[in-house]
N, C-alpha and C. Protein backbone atom coordinates (compact mmCIF):
# COMPACT_ATOMS: atom_id res chain seq x y z
N MET A 1 0.83 -1.18 0.00
CA MET A 1 0.00 0.00 0.00
C MET A 1 0.88 1.25 0.00
N ARG A 2 1.90 1.23 0.83
CA ARG A 2 2.78 2.41 0.92
C ARG A 2 3.45 2.69 -0.42
N ALA A 3 3.90 1.63 -1.11
CA ALA A 3 4.57 1.81 -2.41
C ALA A 3 3.61 2.35 -3.45
N ILE A 4 2.38 1.87 -3.43
CA ILE A 4 1.39 2.38 -4.37
C ILE A 4 1.10 3.85 -4.08
N ALA A 5 0.94 4.19 -2.81
CA ALA A 5 0.65 5.58 -2.42
C ALA A 5 1.78 6.52 -2.81
N ALA A 6 3.01 6.01 -2.86
CA ALA A 6 4.16 6.84 -3.19
C ALA A 6 4.39 6.96 -4.70
N THR A 7 3.61 6.27 -5.50
CA THR A 7 3.75 6.31 -6.95
C THR A 7 3.31 7.67 -7.48
N PRO A 8 4.15 8.32 -8.27
CA PRO A 8 3.77 9.62 -8.84
C PRO A 8 2.45 9.50 -9.62
N GLY A 9 1.58 10.46 -9.39
CA GLY A 9 0.29 10.48 -10.06
C GLY A 9 -0.84 9.83 -9.27
N ILE A 10 -0.51 9.01 -8.29
CA ILE A 10 -1.54 8.39 -7.45
C ILE A 10 -1.92 9.38 -6.36
N THR A 11 -3.18 9.79 -6.36
CA THR A 11 -3.62 10.78 -5.38
C THR A 11 -4.66 10.23 -4.41
N ASP A 12 -5.17 9.04 -4.69
CA ASP A 12 -6.22 8.49 -3.85
C ASP A 12 -6.16 6.97 -3.90
N LEU A 13 -6.31 6.33 -2.75
CA LEU A 13 -6.34 4.88 -2.68
C LEU A 13 -7.60 4.43 -1.95
N SER A 14 -8.25 3.42 -2.51
CA SER A 14 -9.45 2.86 -1.91
C SER A 14 -9.32 1.34 -1.89
N LEU A 15 -9.94 0.71 -0.90
CA LEU A 15 -9.88 -0.73 -0.73
C LEU A 15 -11.29 -1.27 -0.56
N THR A 16 -11.60 -2.37 -1.25
CA THR A 16 -12.85 -3.07 -1.03
C THR A 16 -12.56 -4.31 -0.21
N THR A 17 -13.35 -4.53 0.85
CA THR A 17 -13.05 -5.59 1.80
C THR A 17 -14.33 -6.13 2.43
N ASN A 18 -14.24 -7.31 3.02
CA ASN A 18 -15.36 -7.81 3.83
C ASN A 18 -15.18 -7.39 5.29
N ALA A 19 -14.11 -6.70 5.60
CA ALA A 19 -13.82 -6.07 6.90
C ALA A 19 -13.46 -7.03 8.02
N THR A 20 -13.31 -8.31 7.74
CA THR A 20 -13.01 -9.25 8.83
C THR A 20 -11.65 -9.02 9.46
N LEU A 21 -10.70 -8.46 8.73
CA LEU A 21 -9.38 -8.18 9.29
C LEU A 21 -9.14 -6.69 9.50
N LEU A 22 -10.15 -5.89 9.24
CA LEU A 22 -9.98 -4.45 9.26
C LEU A 22 -9.72 -3.88 10.65
N GLU A 23 -10.23 -4.53 11.67
CA GLU A 23 -9.98 -4.03 13.03
C GLU A 23 -8.48 -3.96 13.30
N ARG A 24 -7.77 -4.97 12.87
CA ARG A 24 -6.32 -5.04 13.08
C ARG A 24 -5.54 -4.21 12.06
N LEU A 25 -6.07 -4.07 10.86
CA LEU A 25 -5.30 -3.48 9.77
C LEU A 25 -5.68 -2.04 9.39
N ALA A 26 -6.78 -1.52 9.90
CA ALA A 26 -7.23 -0.18 9.48
C ALA A 26 -6.18 0.89 9.74
N GLU A 27 -5.64 0.92 10.92
CA GLU A 27 -4.66 1.97 11.24
C GLU A 27 -3.38 1.84 10.42
N PRO A 28 -2.77 0.64 10.33
CA PRO A 28 -1.57 0.53 9.48
C PRO A 28 -1.85 0.86 8.02
N LEU A 29 -3.01 0.49 7.51
CA LEU A 29 -3.35 0.81 6.12
C LEU A 29 -3.52 2.32 5.94
N ALA A 30 -4.15 2.97 6.90
CA ALA A 30 -4.31 4.43 6.82
C ALA A 30 -2.95 5.12 6.85
N HIS A 31 -2.06 4.64 7.71
CA HIS A 31 -0.70 5.22 7.78
C HIS A 31 0.08 4.98 6.49
N ALA A 32 -0.25 3.91 5.79
CA ALA A 32 0.44 3.58 4.54
C ALA A 32 -0.12 4.35 3.35
N GLY A 33 -1.24 5.08 3.56
CA GLY A 33 -1.77 5.92 2.49
C GLY A 33 -3.17 5.60 2.03
N LEU A 34 -3.82 4.61 2.60
CA LEU A 34 -5.20 4.31 2.25
C LEU A 34 -6.10 5.46 2.67
N LYS A 35 -7.03 5.85 1.79
CA LYS A 35 -7.91 6.98 2.07
C LYS A 35 -9.36 6.56 2.30
N ARG A 36 -9.83 5.55 1.55
CA ARG A 36 -11.24 5.20 1.58
C ARG A 36 -11.40 3.68 1.64
N VAL A 37 -12.53 3.22 2.19
CA VAL A 37 -12.82 1.80 2.29
C VAL A 37 -14.25 1.53 1.83
N ASN A 38 -14.40 0.54 0.96
CA ASN A 38 -15.71 0.01 0.57
C ASN A 38 -15.87 -1.31 1.28
N ILE A 39 -16.95 -1.45 2.03
CA ILE A 39 -17.16 -2.66 2.83
C ILE A 39 -18.42 -3.38 2.36
N SER A 40 -18.25 -4.64 2.00
CA SER A 40 -19.39 -5.47 1.61
C SER A 40 -20.07 -5.97 2.88
N LEU A 41 -21.35 -5.65 3.02
CA LEU A 41 -22.10 -6.02 4.22
C LEU A 41 -23.55 -6.23 3.84
N ASP A 42 -24.02 -7.46 3.92
CA ASP A 42 -25.37 -7.78 3.44
C ASP A 42 -26.44 -7.85 4.52
N THR A 43 -26.07 -7.77 5.79
CA THR A 43 -27.07 -7.80 6.85
C THR A 43 -26.45 -7.31 8.16
N LEU A 44 -27.31 -6.84 9.05
CA LEU A 44 -26.89 -6.49 10.41
C LEU A 44 -27.31 -7.57 11.40
N ASP A 45 -28.03 -8.56 10.93
CA ASP A 45 -28.50 -9.67 11.75
C ASP A 45 -27.37 -10.70 11.89
N THR A 46 -26.93 -10.96 13.12
CA THR A 46 -25.75 -11.82 13.31
C THR A 46 -25.98 -13.25 12.84
N ASP A 47 -27.17 -13.79 13.07
CA ASP A 47 -27.45 -15.16 12.62
C ASP A 47 -27.50 -15.23 11.09
N LYS A 48 -28.16 -14.28 10.49
CA LYS A 48 -28.24 -14.25 9.03
C LYS A 48 -26.84 -14.03 8.44
N PHE A 49 -26.04 -13.20 9.07
CA PHE A 49 -24.67 -12.95 8.61
C PHE A 49 -23.88 -14.26 8.61
N ARG A 50 -24.01 -15.02 9.68
CA ARG A 50 -23.30 -16.30 9.79
C ARG A 50 -23.74 -17.27 8.68
N ARG A 51 -25.04 -17.29 8.41
CA ARG A 51 -25.55 -18.17 7.33
C ARG A 51 -25.04 -17.72 5.96
N ILE A 52 -25.07 -16.44 5.70
CA ILE A 52 -24.65 -15.91 4.40
C ILE A 52 -23.17 -16.18 4.17
N THR A 53 -22.36 -15.94 5.18
CA THR A 53 -20.90 -16.04 5.01
C THR A 53 -20.35 -17.44 5.29
N ARG A 54 -21.13 -18.29 5.93
CA ARG A 54 -20.76 -19.65 6.29
C ARG A 54 -19.63 -19.72 7.32
N PHE A 55 -19.18 -18.64 7.85
CA PHE A 55 -18.12 -18.65 8.86
C PHE A 55 -18.12 -17.38 9.69
N GLY A 56 -18.80 -16.38 9.22
CA GLY A 56 -18.60 -15.03 9.68
C GLY A 56 -18.97 -14.72 11.11
N ASP A 57 -18.17 -13.88 11.67
CA ASP A 57 -18.40 -13.32 12.99
C ASP A 57 -18.72 -11.85 12.79
N PHE A 58 -19.99 -11.51 12.89
CA PHE A 58 -20.43 -10.14 12.61
C PHE A 58 -19.68 -9.12 13.46
N SER A 59 -19.38 -9.45 14.70
CA SER A 59 -18.71 -8.49 15.58
C SER A 59 -17.33 -8.11 15.03
N ARG A 60 -16.65 -9.04 14.39
CA ARG A 60 -15.34 -8.71 13.78
C ARG A 60 -15.52 -7.68 12.66
N VAL A 61 -16.56 -7.86 11.87
CA VAL A 61 -16.82 -6.93 10.78
C VAL A 61 -17.20 -5.56 11.32
N TRP A 62 -18.11 -5.53 12.28
CA TRP A 62 -18.54 -4.24 12.84
C TRP A 62 -17.38 -3.54 13.53
N ASN A 63 -16.55 -4.28 14.27
CA ASN A 63 -15.38 -3.68 14.90
C ASN A 63 -14.40 -3.16 13.86
N GLY A 64 -14.32 -3.84 12.72
CA GLY A 64 -13.48 -3.37 11.62
C GLY A 64 -13.98 -2.06 11.05
N ILE A 65 -15.29 -1.94 10.92
CA ILE A 65 -15.88 -0.69 10.44
C ILE A 65 -15.56 0.45 11.41
N LEU A 66 -15.73 0.20 12.69
CA LEU A 66 -15.43 1.23 13.70
C LEU A 66 -13.95 1.57 13.71
N ALA A 67 -13.08 0.58 13.51
CA ALA A 67 -11.64 0.81 13.47
C ALA A 67 -11.26 1.66 12.26
N ALA A 68 -11.90 1.43 11.13
CA ALA A 68 -11.64 2.23 9.94
C ALA A 68 -12.00 3.69 10.18
N GLU A 69 -13.12 3.88 10.83
CA GLU A 69 -13.54 5.24 11.17
C GLU A 69 -12.53 5.88 12.13
N ALA A 70 -12.11 5.14 13.16
CA ALA A 70 -11.16 5.67 14.15
C ALA A 70 -9.80 5.95 13.52
N ALA A 71 -9.45 5.19 12.48
CA ALA A 71 -8.16 5.39 11.81
C ALA A 71 -8.17 6.63 10.91
N GLY A 72 -9.33 7.25 10.77
CA GLY A 72 -9.42 8.47 9.99
C GLY A 72 -9.63 8.28 8.51
N LEU A 73 -10.05 7.08 8.11
CA LEU A 73 -10.34 6.88 6.70
C LEU A 73 -11.51 7.79 6.32
N SER A 74 -11.33 8.57 5.28
CA SER A 74 -12.24 9.69 5.01
C SER A 74 -13.64 9.26 4.57
N THR A 75 -13.75 8.15 3.87
CA THR A 75 -15.06 7.69 3.42
C THR A 75 -15.18 6.20 3.66
N LEU A 76 -16.22 5.81 4.34
CA LEU A 76 -16.57 4.40 4.50
C LEU A 76 -17.85 4.18 3.70
N LYS A 77 -17.78 3.27 2.76
CA LYS A 77 -18.93 2.98 1.92
C LYS A 77 -19.37 1.56 2.19
N LEU A 78 -20.63 1.40 2.58
CA LEU A 78 -21.19 0.08 2.82
C LEU A 78 -21.93 -0.36 1.57
N ASN A 79 -21.55 -1.51 1.04
CA ASN A 79 -22.16 -2.04 -0.17
C ASN A 79 -22.96 -3.28 0.15
N THR A 80 -24.17 -3.35 -0.38
CA THR A 80 -24.98 -4.54 -0.20
C THR A 80 -25.93 -4.71 -1.37
N VAL A 81 -26.23 -5.93 -1.69
CA VAL A 81 -27.24 -6.24 -2.68
C VAL A 81 -28.06 -7.39 -2.12
N MET A 82 -29.31 -7.15 -1.90
CA MET A 82 -30.23 -8.17 -1.40
C MET A 82 -31.34 -8.32 -2.42
N VAL A 83 -31.71 -9.52 -2.74
CA VAL A 83 -32.72 -9.74 -3.76
C VAL A 83 -34.12 -9.73 -3.16
N ALA A 84 -34.32 -10.41 -2.03
CA ALA A 84 -35.68 -10.61 -1.54
C ALA A 84 -36.03 -9.85 -0.27
N ASP A 85 -35.06 -9.30 0.41
CA ASP A 85 -35.30 -8.76 1.74
C ASP A 85 -35.05 -7.26 1.79
N CYS A 86 -36.00 -6.49 1.31
CA CYS A 86 -35.85 -5.03 1.30
C CYS A 86 -35.81 -4.44 2.70
N ALA A 87 -36.37 -5.12 3.69
CA ALA A 87 -36.33 -4.63 5.07
C ALA A 87 -34.88 -4.55 5.56
N THR A 88 -34.06 -5.51 5.14
CA THR A 88 -32.65 -5.50 5.51
C THR A 88 -31.96 -4.28 4.91
N ILE A 89 -32.29 -3.95 3.67
CA ILE A 89 -31.71 -2.79 3.02
C ILE A 89 -32.06 -1.52 3.80
N ILE A 90 -33.30 -1.40 4.21
CA ILE A 90 -33.73 -0.23 4.97
C ILE A 90 -32.99 -0.15 6.31
N GLN A 91 -32.81 -1.29 6.97
CA GLN A 91 -32.08 -1.33 8.24
C GLN A 91 -30.62 -0.92 8.05
N LEU A 92 -29.98 -1.45 7.01
CA LEU A 92 -28.59 -1.08 6.74
C LEU A 92 -28.47 0.41 6.43
N TYR A 93 -29.39 0.92 5.64
CA TYR A 93 -29.36 2.33 5.30
C TYR A 93 -29.50 3.19 6.55
N GLY A 94 -30.42 2.83 7.43
CA GLY A 94 -30.61 3.58 8.67
C GLY A 94 -29.36 3.59 9.52
N SER A 95 -28.69 2.45 9.62
CA SER A 95 -27.45 2.37 10.39
C SER A 95 -26.35 3.21 9.75
N ALA A 96 -26.25 3.12 8.44
CA ALA A 96 -25.22 3.89 7.74
C ALA A 96 -25.43 5.38 7.94
N VAL A 97 -26.66 5.82 7.86
CA VAL A 97 -26.96 7.24 8.04
C VAL A 97 -26.68 7.66 9.48
N SER A 98 -27.08 6.83 10.44
CA SER A 98 -26.87 7.20 11.84
C SER A 98 -25.39 7.27 12.20
N TYR A 99 -24.55 6.50 11.51
CA TYR A 99 -23.11 6.56 11.76
C TYR A 99 -22.40 7.52 10.80
N HIS A 100 -23.15 8.21 9.96
CA HIS A 100 -22.62 9.21 9.04
C HIS A 100 -21.68 8.61 7.99
N TYR A 101 -21.93 7.37 7.59
CA TYR A 101 -21.17 6.78 6.49
C TYR A 101 -21.78 7.34 5.21
N LEU A 102 -21.02 8.17 4.55
CA LEU A 102 -21.57 8.98 3.47
C LEU A 102 -21.88 8.19 2.21
N GLY A 103 -21.01 7.33 1.81
CA GLY A 103 -21.20 6.62 0.55
C GLY A 103 -21.90 5.31 0.75
N VAL A 104 -23.19 5.29 0.75
CA VAL A 104 -23.95 4.06 0.94
C VAL A 104 -24.51 3.64 -0.39
N SER A 105 -24.18 2.44 -0.81
CA SER A 105 -24.65 1.93 -2.08
C SER A 105 -25.53 0.72 -1.82
N LEU A 106 -26.82 0.89 -1.96
CA LEU A 106 -27.77 -0.19 -1.66
C LEU A 106 -28.65 -0.45 -2.87
N ALA A 107 -28.98 -1.71 -3.10
CA ALA A 107 -29.86 -2.07 -4.20
C ALA A 107 -30.86 -3.11 -3.71
N CYS A 108 -32.09 -2.94 -4.08
CA CYS A 108 -33.13 -3.89 -3.70
C CYS A 108 -33.88 -4.29 -4.96
N GLY A 109 -33.91 -5.61 -5.20
CA GLY A 109 -34.51 -6.08 -6.45
C GLY A 109 -35.88 -6.65 -6.27
């Protein structure tokens, strides 16, 4: 990340992640030049999250999101696509707005 950030002409770096390692890596990545993070997150329901990801620990992802914010990453964008559950989209949007995550990309089919 640091080498990419130091490349002439590179003015902005963004990372797309599932955020499972972000709690540990957000600060070092920010210090290395990362500016923005796109986080894939399809639900706030811990049981549903575990089913969707087949391994996931929602608390690790949420702590990663909070760590990215604490590390000073300028934009956190939560990305989700749900086909059948528009209520989940509304819940995610409400959480994103309440935490002031500016770039929220949600789609409901």
